[in-house]
């Protein structure tokens, strides 16, 4: 991976972390269906911004590719997020 790509990836991660911290208080304590609705809306807006002017079929294919790539990234982040969330929780009392 080139140095420019690494820099761009790090900058994207910094921005994502900053935005996450802005919306985290708004989503905290909300039920999963509300959190999911917010994420779905954000994702739909993001996908709608990817177009091939004048070519609906190419636009649909581009959006499908973007969504597949995005879901792959989400799947890779789930394990890390699980560890962060659940390793921070105290162990349940096992009766000892």
N, C-alpha and C. Protein backbone atom coordinates (compact mmCIF):
# COMPACT_ATOMS: atom_id res chain seq x y z
N UNK A 1 0.85 -1.17 0.00
CA UNK A 1 0.00 0.00 0.00
C UNK A 1 0.90 1.24 0.00
N UNK A 2 0.57 2.19 -0.86
CA UNK A 2 1.42 3.37 -0.96
C UNK A 2 1.24 4.28 0.25
N UNK A 3 2.22 5.12 0.45
CA UNK A 3 2.18 6.05 1.58
C UNK A 3 0.98 6.99 1.49
N UNK A 4 0.64 7.44 0.27
CA UNK A 4 -0.51 8.33 0.09
C UNK A 4 -1.81 7.64 0.46
N UNK A 5 -1.94 6.37 0.09
CA UNK A 5 -3.15 5.61 0.42
C UNK A 5 -3.24 5.42 1.93
N UNK A 6 -2.12 5.12 2.57
CA UNK A 6 -2.10 4.97 4.03
C UNK A 6 -2.51 6.26 4.73
N UNK A 7 -1.98 7.38 4.25
CA UNK A 7 -2.34 8.67 4.83
C UNK A 7 -3.83 8.94 4.66
N UNK A 8 -4.35 8.66 3.47
CA UNK A 8 -5.77 8.88 3.21
C UNK A 8 -6.63 7.98 4.09
N UNK A 9 -6.21 6.73 4.29
CA UNK A 9 -6.96 5.80 5.14
C UNK A 9 -6.95 6.28 6.59
N UNK A 10 -5.80 6.73 7.06
CA UNK A 10 -5.73 7.24 8.43
C UNK A 10 -6.60 8.47 8.62
N UNK A 11 -6.60 9.36 7.64
CA UNK A 11 -7.44 10.55 7.72
C UNK A 11 -8.92 10.17 7.74
N UNK A 12 -9.30 9.20 6.92
CA UNK A 12 -10.69 8.73 6.90
C UNK A 12 -11.06 8.14 8.27
N UNK A 13 -10.15 7.40 8.88
CA UNK A 13 -10.41 6.82 10.19
C UNK A 13 -10.56 7.91 11.25
N UNK A 14 -9.74 8.96 11.17
CA UNK A 14 -9.85 10.06 12.13
C UNK A 14 -11.20 10.77 11.99
N UNK A 15 -11.60 11.02 10.76
CA UNK A 15 -12.89 11.69 10.52
C UNK A 15 -14.04 10.80 11.01
N UNK A 16 -13.97 9.51 10.70
CA UNK A 16 -15.02 8.59 11.13
C UNK A 16 -15.13 8.56 12.66
N UNK A 17 -14.00 8.55 13.34
CA UNK A 17 -14.01 8.53 14.81
C UNK A 17 -14.63 9.82 15.36
N UNK A 18 -14.30 10.94 14.74
CA UNK A 18 -14.85 12.23 15.19
C UNK A 18 -16.37 12.27 14.98
N UNK A 19 -16.83 11.84 13.83
CA UNK A 19 -18.27 11.84 13.54
C UNK A 19 -18.98 10.86 14.47
N UNK A 20 -18.37 9.70 14.69
CA UNK A 20 -18.96 8.72 15.60
C UNK A 20 -19.17 9.31 16.99
N UNK A 21 -18.18 10.03 17.47
CA UNK A 21 -18.31 10.64 18.80
C UNK A 21 -19.40 11.71 18.84
N UNK A 22 -19.68 12.33 17.71
CA UNK A 22 -20.77 13.32 17.65
C UNK A 22 -22.14 12.65 17.72
N UNK A 23 -22.30 11.51 17.04
CA UNK A 23 -23.62 10.88 17.02
C UNK A 23 -23.82 9.86 18.13
N UNK A 24 -22.74 9.42 18.75
CA UNK A 24 -22.83 8.41 19.81
C UNK A 24 -23.82 8.79 20.91
N UNK A 25 -23.78 10.03 21.44
CA UNK A 25 -24.73 10.37 22.50
C UNK A 25 -26.19 10.35 22.03
N UNK A 26 -26.39 10.64 20.75
CA UNK A 26 -27.76 10.63 20.22
C UNK A 26 -28.31 9.21 20.09
N UNK A 27 -27.45 8.25 19.82
CA UNK A 27 -27.89 6.87 19.64
C UNK A 27 -27.86 6.05 20.93
N UNK A 28 -27.06 6.49 21.89
CA UNK A 28 -26.93 5.75 23.14
C UNK A 28 -28.29 5.59 23.81
N UNK A 29 -28.60 4.35 24.18
CA UNK A 29 -29.84 4.07 24.88
C UNK A 29 -31.05 3.91 23.97
N UNK A 30 -30.90 4.21 22.69
CA UNK A 30 -32.01 4.01 21.76
C UNK A 30 -32.11 2.53 21.42
N UNK A 31 -33.31 2.05 21.14
CA UNK A 31 -33.45 0.63 20.80
C UNK A 31 -32.80 0.32 19.45
N UNK A 32 -32.47 -0.95 19.23
CA UNK A 32 -31.80 -1.34 17.99
C UNK A 32 -32.53 -0.90 16.72
N UNK A 33 -33.87 -0.89 16.73
CA UNK A 33 -34.58 -0.49 15.52
C UNK A 33 -34.37 0.98 15.20
N UNK A 34 -34.22 1.82 16.21
CA UNK A 34 -33.95 3.24 15.98
C UNK A 34 -32.51 3.42 15.50
N UNK A 35 -31.56 2.76 16.16
CA UNK A 35 -30.17 2.83 15.72
C UNK A 35 -30.04 2.34 14.28
N UNK A 36 -30.70 1.23 13.96
CA UNK A 36 -30.65 0.69 12.61
C UNK A 36 -31.27 1.62 11.58
N UNK A 37 -32.36 2.29 11.95
CA UNK A 37 -33.00 3.24 11.04
C UNK A 37 -32.07 4.41 10.72
N UNK A 38 -31.37 4.90 11.74
CA UNK A 38 -30.42 6.00 11.53
C UNK A 38 -29.29 5.55 10.59
N UNK A 39 -28.74 4.39 10.86
CA UNK A 39 -27.66 3.87 10.02
C UNK A 39 -28.13 3.61 8.59
N UNK A 40 -29.34 3.07 8.44
CA UNK A 40 -29.88 2.82 7.10
C UNK A 40 -30.06 4.13 6.33
N UNK A 41 -30.54 5.16 7.00
CA UNK A 41 -30.73 6.45 6.35
C UNK A 41 -29.39 7.04 5.90
N UNK A 42 -28.40 6.98 6.77
CA UNK A 42 -27.07 7.49 6.42
C UNK A 42 -26.50 6.71 5.23
N UNK A 43 -26.65 5.39 5.27
CA UNK A 43 -26.14 4.55 4.19
C UNK A 43 -26.85 4.84 2.87
N UNK A 44 -28.16 5.04 2.92
CA UNK A 44 -28.92 5.35 1.70
C UNK A 44 -28.48 6.69 1.10
N UNK A 45 -28.25 7.66 1.95
CA UNK A 45 -27.77 8.97 1.47
C UNK A 45 -26.40 8.81 0.81
N UNK A 46 -25.53 8.05 1.45
CA UNK A 46 -24.19 7.82 0.91
C UNK A 46 -24.27 7.13 -0.45
N UNK A 47 -25.08 6.08 -0.55
CA UNK A 47 -25.21 5.36 -1.82
C UNK A 47 -25.83 6.23 -2.91
N UNK A 48 -26.80 7.05 -2.55
CA UNK A 48 -27.46 7.92 -3.53
C UNK A 48 -26.47 8.90 -4.15
N UNK A 49 -25.40 9.20 -3.46
CA UNK A 49 -24.39 10.12 -3.98
C UNK A 49 -23.47 9.51 -5.02
N UNK A 50 -23.55 8.21 -5.21
CA UNK A 50 -22.72 7.51 -6.19
C UNK A 50 -23.55 7.26 -7.44
N UNK A 51 -23.26 7.99 -8.49
CA UNK A 51 -24.03 7.86 -9.72
C UNK A 51 -23.11 7.84 -10.94
N UNK A 52 -23.61 7.23 -11.99
CA UNK A 52 -22.99 7.31 -13.31
C UNK A 52 -24.01 8.10 -14.14
N UNK A 53 -23.77 9.37 -14.38
CA UNK A 53 -24.75 10.21 -15.06
C UNK A 53 -25.26 9.61 -16.37
N UNK A 54 -26.58 9.57 -16.48
CA UNK A 54 -27.20 9.09 -17.70
C UNK A 54 -27.23 7.58 -17.88
N UNK A 55 -26.80 6.83 -16.89
CA UNK A 55 -26.74 5.37 -17.03
C UNK A 55 -27.23 4.70 -15.75
N UNK A 56 -28.53 4.44 -15.71
CA UNK A 56 -29.14 3.84 -14.52
C UNK A 56 -28.55 2.46 -14.22
N UNK A 57 -28.34 1.67 -15.26
CA UNK A 57 -27.80 0.32 -15.06
C UNK A 57 -26.40 0.38 -14.44
N UNK A 58 -25.56 1.26 -14.95
CA UNK A 58 -24.20 1.41 -14.39
C UNK A 58 -24.26 1.97 -12.98
N UNK A 59 -25.21 2.90 -12.74
CA UNK A 59 -25.39 3.46 -11.40
C UNK A 59 -25.78 2.36 -10.43
N UNK A 60 -26.76 1.52 -10.82
CA UNK A 60 -27.18 0.42 -9.96
C UNK A 60 -26.02 -0.53 -9.66
N UNK A 61 -25.21 -0.83 -10.69
CA UNK A 61 -24.06 -1.72 -10.50
C UNK A 61 -23.02 -1.09 -9.58
N UNK A 62 -22.76 0.20 -9.77
CA UNK A 62 -21.81 0.91 -8.91
C UNK A 62 -22.27 0.88 -7.47
N UNK A 63 -23.54 1.17 -7.26
CA UNK A 63 -24.07 1.18 -5.89
C UNK A 63 -24.01 -0.21 -5.27
N UNK A 64 -24.28 -1.24 -6.06
CA UNK A 64 -24.20 -2.61 -5.55
C UNK A 64 -22.76 -2.93 -5.14
N UNK A 65 -21.80 -2.54 -5.97
CA UNK A 65 -20.39 -2.76 -5.64
C UNK A 65 -19.99 -1.99 -4.37
N UNK A 66 -20.45 -0.76 -4.27
CA UNK A 66 -20.14 0.06 -3.09
C UNK A 66 -20.72 -0.60 -1.83
N UNK A 67 -21.96 -1.08 -1.95
CA UNK A 67 -22.61 -1.71 -0.81
C UNK A 67 -21.89 -3.00 -0.41
N UNK A 68 -21.49 -3.81 -1.38
CA UNK A 68 -20.75 -5.04 -1.07
C UNK A 68 -19.44 -4.73 -0.36
N UNK A 69 -18.72 -3.73 -0.86
CA UNK A 69 -17.45 -3.33 -0.25
C UNK A 69 -17.68 -2.82 1.17
N UNK A 70 -18.74 -2.04 1.34
CA UNK A 70 -19.06 -1.49 2.65
C UNK A 70 -19.40 -2.61 3.64
N UNK A 71 -20.23 -3.56 3.21
CA UNK A 71 -20.61 -4.66 4.10
C UNK A 71 -19.41 -5.52 4.47
N UNK A 72 -18.48 -5.70 3.54
CA UNK A 72 -17.25 -6.44 3.85
C UNK A 72 -16.48 -5.72 4.96
N UNK A 73 -16.39 -4.40 4.84
CA UNK A 73 -15.69 -3.62 5.87
C UNK A 73 -16.42 -3.71 7.21
N UNK A 74 -17.74 -3.64 7.19
CA UNK A 74 -18.52 -3.74 8.43
C UNK A 74 -18.27 -5.09 9.09
N UNK A 75 -18.30 -6.15 8.29
CA UNK A 75 -18.06 -7.49 8.84
C UNK A 75 -16.69 -7.60 9.49
N UNK A 76 -15.69 -6.95 8.89
CA UNK A 76 -14.35 -6.98 9.46
C UNK A 76 -14.29 -6.21 10.78
N UNK A 77 -15.11 -5.19 10.93
CA UNK A 77 -15.10 -4.37 12.13
C UNK A 77 -15.91 -4.96 13.28
N UNK A 78 -16.82 -5.89 12.98
CA UNK A 78 -17.70 -6.45 14.01
C UNK A 78 -16.90 -7.12 15.12
N UNK A 79 -15.92 -7.93 14.77
CA UNK A 79 -15.14 -8.64 15.80
C UNK A 79 -14.42 -7.66 16.71
N UNK A 80 -13.80 -6.65 16.13
CA UNK A 80 -13.11 -5.64 16.93
C UNK A 80 -14.10 -4.90 17.83
N UNK A 81 -15.22 -4.50 17.28
CA UNK A 81 -16.22 -3.79 18.06
C UNK A 81 -16.76 -4.66 19.18
N UNK A 82 -16.97 -5.93 18.89
CA UNK A 82 -17.45 -6.87 19.91
C UNK A 82 -16.47 -6.91 21.09
N UNK A 83 -15.18 -7.02 20.78
CA UNK A 83 -14.18 -7.06 21.84
C UNK A 83 -14.19 -5.77 22.66
N UNK A 84 -14.27 -4.64 21.98
CA UNK A 84 -14.26 -3.35 22.67
C UNK A 84 -15.47 -3.24 23.60
N UNK A 85 -16.63 -3.62 23.10
CA UNK A 85 -17.86 -3.50 23.89
C UNK A 85 -17.89 -4.50 25.04
N UNK A 86 -17.60 -5.76 24.74
CA UNK A 86 -17.81 -6.81 25.73
C UNK A 86 -16.63 -7.05 26.65
N UNK A 87 -15.43 -6.69 26.25
CA UNK A 87 -14.31 -6.83 27.17
C UNK A 87 -14.31 -5.71 28.20
N UNK A 88 -15.02 -4.63 27.88
CA UNK A 88 -15.13 -3.54 28.85
C UNK A 88 -16.17 -3.83 29.92
N UNK A 89 -17.05 -4.81 29.66
CA UNK A 89 -18.08 -5.17 30.62
C UNK A 89 -17.50 -6.04 31.72
N UNK A 90 -17.96 -5.83 32.96
CA UNK A 90 -17.49 -6.71 34.03
C UNK A 90 -18.03 -8.12 33.82
N UNK A 91 -17.26 -9.10 34.27
CA UNK A 91 -17.71 -10.49 34.18
C UNK A 91 -18.92 -10.69 35.07
N UNK A 92 -19.91 -11.45 34.60
CA UNK A 92 -21.06 -11.72 35.48
C UNK A 92 -20.63 -12.54 36.70
N UNK A 93 -21.29 -12.33 37.80
CA UNK A 93 -21.01 -13.05 39.03
C UNK A 93 -21.34 -14.52 38.82
N UNK A 94 -20.35 -15.37 38.96
CA UNK A 94 -20.56 -16.80 38.74
C UNK A 94 -20.82 -17.53 40.05
N UNK A 95 -21.24 -16.80 41.08
CA UNK A 95 -21.60 -17.43 42.33
C UNK A 95 -20.44 -17.78 43.23
N UNK A 96 -19.27 -17.21 42.96
CA UNK A 96 -18.10 -17.52 43.79
C UNK A 96 -17.97 -16.51 44.87
